[in-house]
Structure formats: structure tokens, C-alpha cells
C-alpha atoms as a PDB file:
ATOM      1  CA  MET A   1      22.083 -72.070  86.849  1.00  0.00           C
ATOM      2  CA  SER A   2      22.511 -75.754  86.430  1.00  0.00           C
ATOM      3  CA  ASP A   3      24.731 -77.904  84.229  1.00  0.00           C
ATOM      4  CA  ASN A   4      27.303 -75.059  84.249  1.00  0.00           C
ATOM      5  CA  LYS A   5      25.468 -73.335  81.355  1.00  0.00           C
ATOM      6  CA  GLY A   6      24.215 -69.819  80.982  1.00  0.00           C
ATOM      7  CA  LEU A   7      24.754 -67.029  83.498  1.00  0.00           C
ATOM      8  CA  LYS A   8      26.731 -68.130  86.527  1.00  0.00           C
ATOM      9  CA  SER A   9      28.645 -66.637  89.424  1.00  0.00           C
ATOM     10  CA  PRO A  10      32.390 -66.112  88.984  1.00  0.00           C
ATOM     11  CA  MET A  11      34.801 -68.327  90.886  1.00  0.00           C
ATOM     12  CA  LEU A  12      36.488 -66.962  93.995  1.00  0.00           C
ATOM     13  CA  SER A  13      39.808 -66.630  92.159  1.00  0.00           C
ATOM     14  CA  GLN A  14      38.128 -64.457  89.514  1.00  0.00           C
ATOM     15  CA  VAL A  15      36.598 -62.198  92.164  1.00  0.00           C
ATOM     16  CA  GLU A  16      40.024 -61.925  93.815  1.00  0.00           C
ATOM     17  CA  VAL A  17      41.483 -60.672  90.512  1.00  0.00           C
ATOM     18  CA  LEU A  18      38.848 -57.927  90.420  1.00  0.00           C
ATOM     19  CA  GLU A  19      39.648 -57.017  94.028  1.00  0.00           C
ATOM     20  CA  ALA A  20      43.380 -56.865  93.256  1.00  0.00           C
ATOM     21  CA  THR A  21      42.712 -54.654  90.241  1.00  0.00           C
ATOM     22  CA  LEU A  22      40.616 -52.305  92.338  1.00  0.00           C
ATOM     23  CA  GLU A  23      43.333 -52.139  94.988  1.00  0.00           C
ATOM     24  CA  ALA A  24      46.039 -51.516  92.371  1.00  0.00           C
ATOM     25  CA  MET A  25      44.128 -48.519  91.042  1.00  0.00           C
ATOM     26  CA  GLY A  26      44.629 -46.684  94.336  1.00  0.00           C
ATOM     27  CA  THR A  27      42.739 -43.580  95.429  1.00  0.00           C
ATOM     28  CA  PRO A  28      42.717 -40.113  93.876  1.00  0.00           C
ATOM     29  CA  THR A  29      45.125 -37.481  95.171  1.00  0.00           C
ATOM     30  CA  PRO A  30      43.598 -34.243  96.487  1.00  0.00           C
ATOM     31  CA  GLU A  31      44.381 -32.608  93.124  1.00  0.00           C
ATOM     32  CA  GLN A  32      42.756 -35.464  91.205  1.00  0.00           C
ATOM     33  CA  SER A  33      39.734 -35.322  93.515  1.00  0.00           C
ATOM     34  CA  ALA A  34      39.345 -31.615  92.787  1.00  0.00           C
ATOM     35  CA  LEU A  35      39.549 -32.260  89.049  1.00  0.00           C
ATOM     36  CA  LEU A  36      37.004 -35.079  89.324  1.00  0.00           C
ATOM     37  CA  LYS A  37      34.669 -32.752  91.240  1.00  0.00           C
ATOM     38  CA  VAL A  38      34.726 -30.053  88.565  1.00  0.00           C
ATOM     39  CA  THR A  39      34.357 -32.740  85.884  1.00  0.00           C
ATOM     40  CA  MET A  40      31.222 -34.067  87.576  1.00  0.00           C
ATOM     41  CA  GLU A  41      29.924 -30.499  87.694  1.00  0.00           C
ATOM     42  CA  GLY A  42      30.122 -30.512  83.903  1.00  0.00           C
ATOM     43  CA  LYS A  43      33.101 -28.191  83.547  1.00  0.00           C
ATOM     44  CA  LYS A  44      35.608 -29.020  80.821  1.00  0.00           C
ATOM     45  CA  LEU A  45      39.208 -27.920  80.605  1.00  0.00           C
ATOM     46  CA  GLU A  46      40.748 -26.571  77.431  1.00  0.00           C
ATOM     47  CA  TYR A  47      42.816 -28.879  75.244  1.00  0.00           C
ATOM     48  CA  PRO A  48      45.383 -30.385  75.805  1.00  0.00           C
ATOM     49  CA  ALA A  49      44.507 -30.535  79.543  1.00  0.00           C
ATOM     50  CA  ARG A  50      41.118 -32.002  78.655  1.00  0.00           C
ATOM     51  CA  TYR A  51      42.810 -35.249  77.554  1.00  0.00           C
ATOM     52  CA  THR A  52      44.110 -35.721  81.103  1.00  0.00           C
ATOM     53  CA  GLN A  53      40.726 -34.755  82.516  1.00  0.00           C
ATOM     54  CA  GLU A  54      38.900 -37.307  80.360  1.00  0.00           C
ATOM     55  CA  LYS A  55      41.412 -40.072  81.097  1.00  0.00           C
ATOM     56  CA  LEU A  56      41.168 -39.444  84.845  1.00  0.00           C
ATOM     57  CA  PHE A  57      37.380 -39.445  84.716  1.00  0.00           C
ATOM     58  CA  GLY A  58      37.420 -42.691  82.726  1.00  0.00           C
ATOM     59  CA  LEU A  59      39.652 -44.335  85.330  1.00  0.00           C
ATOM     60  CA  TYR A  60      37.365 -43.062  88.094  1.00  0.00           C
ATOM     61  CA  ARG A  61      34.360 -44.581  86.336  1.00  0.00           C
ATOM     62  CA  VAL A  62      36.146 -47.933  85.910  1.00  0.00           C
ATOM     63  CA  LYS A  63      37.049 -47.948  89.617  1.00  0.00           C
ATOM     64  CA  TRP A  64      33.485 -47.049  90.599  1.00  0.00           C
ATOM     65  CA  HIS A  65      32.015 -49.797  88.401  1.00  0.00           C
ATOM     66  CA  LEU A  66      34.476 -52.395  89.708  1.00  0.00           C
ATOM     67  CA  ASP A  67      33.589 -51.434  93.261  1.00  0.00           C
ATOM     68  CA  THR A  68      29.875 -51.669  92.471  1.00  0.00           C
ATOM     69  CA  ALA A  69      30.313 -55.054  90.770  1.00  0.00           C
ATOM     70  CA  LEU A  70      32.204 -56.451  93.754  1.00  0.00           C
ATOM     71  CA  GLU A  71      29.557 -55.122  96.101  1.00  0.00           C
ATOM     72  CA  ILE A  72      26.810 -56.823  94.101  1.00  0.00           C
ATOM     73  CA  LEU A  73      28.762 -60.077  93.832  1.00  0.00           C
ATOM     74  CA  GLY A  74      29.134 -60.037  97.609  1.00  0.00           C
ATOM     75  CA  MET A  75      25.349 -60.029  97.913  1.00  0.00           C
ATOM     76  CA  LEU A  76      24.917 -63.166  95.800  1.00  0.00           C
END
């Protein structure tokens, strides 16, 4: 991690962008939380409702991964 080559930690401003993105995503409503729960149980809705289900689950995964990344970066 010398000479500014290879793998390096992001700058504070870059971490702040990730934090702002995470904050902008908000938190699931009770209805969304219920849908996420049944999705994680492996249940799938019929089309066309499944499109909404898959999009919501994708957003949840993005939020979870962003949160995990920020947590790890905070440990460095």
C-alpha cells in the first residue's frame, strides 16, 4: 500500500458518498418488510407481482452490502 498503487483505502469523501447513498435508500415499510421476509423464506409471487418482489429484494441486497462495506471500512 505504498506509492499509491494497488489496493488502497477509499478517501473520506468517497466513504461519505456511500453513507449518503445508504441513507437515501431509507428503510423498508412494514409491507416491504413482510414481502422481504417471505422472499427470504424462498416463496415467490406470481407474475407480474414477482417483478416487484425481485426488484425489492435486489434493493435490499444492495443496502445490506453497502452497510457491510461501510462497517468493514470502519474497521480499517
